[in-house]
């Protein structure tokens, strides 16, 4: 499902103060040389670490949402009656996951 235009994951959060005392750096392994290269830098604020952790988790979150979509589609093809359960409506979950994927890929 994924034709990623972004730097492939996994991404890691570098919280080494000696490297970047004023910020957190999200890094990924370079496809060409294998070294860890910066993907994003988050400068200090009251929510710096939380924001950096969320950004670092982005490739994993995208992959998980793509699996949710694939699983729901596969279950529907098998004739599963997913409908509305105690945790919400499956179509609403599918729509929310699809919208988040489109937003992440720049299609929204």
Protein backbone atom coordinates (compact mmCIF):
# COMPACT_ATOMS: atom_id res chain seq x y z
CA UNK A 1 0.00 0.00 0.00
CA UNK A 2 2.86 2.39 0.74
CA UNK A 3 4.69 4.29 -1.99
CA UNK A 4 6.51 6.41 0.53
CA UNK A 5 8.02 9.72 -0.50
CA UNK A 6 9.31 10.32 3.02
CA UNK A 7 12.51 9.00 4.54
CA UNK A 8 11.85 5.35 5.40
CA UNK A 9 11.66 4.37 9.06
CA UNK A 10 12.46 3.46 11.60
CA UNK A 11 13.28 6.90 12.91
CA UNK A 12 15.06 7.33 16.21
CA UNK A 13 15.02 10.18 18.68
CA UNK A 14 18.47 11.52 19.54
CA UNK A 15 18.29 13.14 22.96
CA UNK A 16 22.05 13.44 23.46
CA UNK A 17 22.56 16.87 25.08
CA UNK A 18 26.20 17.03 23.97
CA UNK A 19 25.14 16.70 20.33
CA UNK A 20 22.30 19.19 20.42
CA UNK A 21 21.84 20.92 23.79
CA UNK A 22 19.05 23.18 22.52
CA UNK A 23 16.98 20.63 20.64
CA UNK A 24 16.03 17.04 19.88
CA UNK A 25 17.04 15.47 16.57
CA UNK A 26 15.07 12.75 14.80
CA UNK A 27 17.36 10.57 12.71
CA UNK A 28 17.00 7.76 10.17
CA UNK A 29 19.48 5.41 8.58
CA UNK A 30 20.67 6.75 5.22
CA UNK A 31 19.77 4.48 2.29
CA UNK A 32 23.05 5.33 0.57
CA UNK A 33 25.69 5.18 3.31
CA UNK A 34 23.93 3.60 6.29
CA UNK A 35 24.79 6.49 8.62
CA UNK A 36 22.17 8.08 10.84
CA UNK A 37 21.11 11.33 9.21
CA UNK A 38 18.81 14.06 10.53
CA UNK A 39 15.16 13.93 9.47
CA UNK A 40 13.91 16.73 11.72
CA UNK A 41 15.09 19.00 14.51
CA UNK A 42 12.76 20.14 17.28
CA UNK A 43 13.92 23.19 19.22
CA UNK A 44 13.27 23.45 22.95
CA UNK A 45 9.86 24.41 24.20
CA UNK A 46 7.64 23.08 26.95
CA UNK A 47 6.54 20.18 24.72
CA UNK A 48 9.78 19.54 22.83
CA UNK A 49 10.37 15.95 23.88
CA UNK A 50 6.73 14.90 23.43
CA UNK A 51 6.64 16.45 19.95
CA UNK A 52 9.95 14.85 19.02
CA UNK A 53 8.78 11.40 20.20
CA UNK A 54 5.59 11.73 18.14
CA UNK A 55 7.55 12.71 15.03
CA UNK A 56 10.01 9.86 15.56
CA UNK A 57 7.07 7.41 15.75
CA UNK A 58 5.47 8.73 12.52
CA UNK A 59 6.69 5.96 10.15
CA UNK A 60 5.52 3.28 12.60
CA UNK A 61 2.16 5.00 13.05
CA UNK A 62 1.70 5.25 9.29
CA UNK A 63 2.54 1.56 8.83
CA UNK A 64 0.11 0.60 11.60
CA UNK A 65 -2.71 2.62 10.01
CA UNK A 66 -2.01 1.00 6.64
CA UNK A 67 -2.31 -2.40 8.35
CA UNK A 68 -5.63 -1.35 9.90
CA UNK A 69 -6.97 -0.45 6.45
CA UNK A 70 -5.68 -3.69 4.90
CA UNK A 71 -7.15 -5.77 7.74
CA UNK A 72 -10.57 -4.14 7.56
CA UNK A 73 -10.60 -4.53 3.75
CA UNK A 74 -9.59 -8.20 4.01
CA UNK A 75 -12.25 -8.93 6.64
CA UNK A 76 -14.90 -7.23 4.51
CA UNK A 77 -13.85 -9.30 1.49
CA UNK A 78 -14.27 -12.43 3.61
CA UNK A 79 -17.80 -11.31 4.37
CA UNK A 80 -17.25 -10.32 7.98
CA UNK A 81 -20.04 -8.24 9.44
CA UNK A 82 -17.96 -5.54 11.08
CA UNK A 83 -20.61 -2.85 11.46
CA UNK A 84 -20.88 -1.08 14.78
CA UNK A 85 -19.25 -2.66 17.80
CA UNK A 86 -18.74 -1.58 21.37
CA UNK A 87 -15.69 0.48 20.32
CA UNK A 88 -17.28 2.33 17.43
CA UNK A 89 -18.21 1.97 13.80
CA UNK A 90 -15.73 0.16 11.56
CA UNK A 91 -16.46 2.48 8.65
CA UNK A 92 -15.64 5.47 10.86
CA UNK A 93 -12.34 3.83 11.86
CA UNK A 94 -11.57 3.07 8.20
CA UNK A 95 -12.41 6.66 7.18
CA UNK A 96 -10.31 8.19 9.97
CA UNK A 97 -7.34 5.93 9.16
CA UNK A 98 -7.63 6.68 5.44
CA UNK A 99 -7.78 10.42 6.08
CA UNK A 100 -4.70 10.29 8.32
CA UNK A 101 -2.79 8.27 5.71
CA UNK A 102 -3.75 10.74 2.97
CA UNK A 103 -2.65 13.65 5.18
CA UNK A 104 0.68 11.97 5.92
CA UNK A 105 1.29 11.32 2.23
CA UNK A 106 0.24 14.79 1.12
CA UNK A 107 -2.87 13.54 -0.66
CA UNK A 108 -5.31 15.44 1.55
